[in-house]
Protein backbone atom coordinates (compact mmCIF):
# COMPACT_ATOMS: atom_id res chain seq x y z
CA MET A 1 0.00 0.00 0.00
CA LYS A 2 1.40 3.40 -0.93
CA ILE A 3 0.67 6.23 1.46
CA ASP A 4 0.34 9.49 -0.48
CA HIS A 5 0.30 12.55 1.76
CA LYS A 6 -1.18 14.72 -0.97
CA TYR A 7 -4.52 12.95 -0.61
CA TYR A 8 -4.77 12.04 3.08
CA THR A 9 -4.44 13.94 6.31
CA ARG A 10 -1.92 12.79 8.91
CA ALA A 11 -4.77 11.44 11.06
CA GLU A 12 -6.19 9.44 8.13
CA ASN A 13 -2.74 8.00 7.36
CA LYS A 14 -2.17 7.09 11.02
CA ASP A 15 -5.56 5.37 11.25
CA THR A 16 -4.93 3.43 8.02
CA ILE A 17 -1.44 2.30 9.05
CA ARG A 18 -2.64 1.40 12.56
CA LYS A 19 -5.47 -0.74 11.08
CA ILE A 20 -3.04 -2.60 8.79
CA LEU A 21 -0.68 -3.30 11.71
CA ARG A 22 -3.53 -4.41 13.99
CA ASP A 23 -4.51 -6.95 11.33
CA GLY A 24 -1.00 -8.44 11.22
CA PRO A 25 2.64 -7.72 10.45
CA ALA A 26 3.77 -5.35 7.72
CA LYS A 27 6.97 -3.96 6.28
CA VAL A 28 7.02 -0.19 6.76
CA VAL A 29 9.50 1.86 4.74
CA PHE A 30 10.12 5.36 6.08
CA THR A 31 12.74 8.10 6.28
CA LYS A 32 14.48 8.43 9.64
CA LYS A 33 15.26 11.82 11.21
CA ASP A 34 18.85 11.58 9.94
CA GLY A 35 17.59 11.21 6.35
CA THR A 36 18.33 7.50 5.92
CA ILE A 37 15.69 5.11 4.63
CA ARG A 38 14.65 2.38 7.07
CA GLU A 39 12.65 -0.80 6.49
CA MET A 40 10.98 -2.20 9.57
CA VAL A 41 8.91 -5.36 9.97
CA CYS A 42 6.43 -4.51 12.68
CA THR A 43 2.95 -5.14 14.04
CA LEU A 44 0.28 -4.10 16.51
CA LYS A 45 -1.64 -7.40 16.30
CA ARG A 46 -2.55 -8.36 19.84
CA CYS A 47 -2.21 -12.16 19.47
CA ILE A 48 1.33 -11.79 18.06
CA LEU A 49 2.30 -9.44 20.89
CA GLU A 50 0.82 -11.81 23.48
CA GLU A 51 2.62 -14.78 21.89
CA LYS A 52 5.91 -12.90 22.28
CA ASP A 53 5.05 -11.85 25.88
CA VAL A 54 5.23 -8.17 24.95
CA GLU A 55 4.12 -5.81 27.69
CA LEU A 56 1.12 -3.80 26.52
CA LYS A 57 0.95 -1.24 29.30
CA ASN A 58 0.64 2.46 28.60
CA SER A 59 3.90 4.26 29.35
CA GLY A 60 2.14 7.43 30.46
CA ARG A 61 4.11 9.46 27.93
CA HIS A 62 2.50 12.29 26.00
CA VAL A 63 0.92 10.97 22.80
CA ASN A 64 2.10 12.73 19.65
CA ASP A 65 -0.46 12.51 16.83
CA GLY A 66 2.33 12.53 14.26
CA ILE A 67 4.11 9.46 15.65
CA LEU A 68 3.07 5.81 15.69
CA ASN A 69 4.55 3.36 18.22
CA VAL A 70 4.86 -0.19 16.86
CA TYR A 71 6.49 -3.48 17.83
CA ASP A 72 9.54 -4.29 15.67
CA LEU A 73 9.48 -8.05 15.04
CA GLU A 74 13.15 -8.17 14.05
CA LYS A 75 14.52 -6.18 17.01
CA ASN A 76 11.90 -7.53 19.44
CA ASP A 77 11.31 -4.11 20.92
CA TRP A 78 9.04 -1.10 20.64
CA ARG A 79 9.98 1.48 17.99
CA SER A 80 8.28 4.52 16.51
CA PHE A 81 8.21 6.50 13.29
CA ARG A 82 6.75 9.75 12.06
CA ILE A 83 3.60 9.25 10.01
CA ASP A 84 4.63 11.90 7.49
CA SER A 85 7.91 10.03 6.83
CA VAL A 86 6.26 6.78 5.65
CA HIS A 87 6.80 5.78 2.02
CA THR A 88 5.07 2.38 1.91
CA VAL A 89 3.31 -0.15 4.11
CA GLU A 90 3.20 -3.74 2.86
CA ALA A 91 1.18 -6.29 4.83
CA PHE A 92 2.09 -9.99 4.77
CA ALA A 93 1.25 -13.30 6.44
CA TYR A 94 2.95 -14.09 9.74
CA ASP A 95 4.56 -17.50 10.34
CA GLY A 96 5.56 -16.93 13.95
């Protein structure tokens, strides 16, 4: 799925990406703050997070509407990215 910022608001993009990641894992390609391109395999799917014993508690930090926190399946840790830096989101089946 290509995210095109010309046609969607940041909130619409965040909702769309969040829905994809809640349905299963996806590869997200985005530009990091330092300008490098990063590919991350991540998810927000509850059964995957529970299977990996990931803590789901709220950190109490201020929520920034422009940032999405996700679980990186390759680093096995929480990561985040700016919604307006996303180039593509590609969903795929998860083997475990």
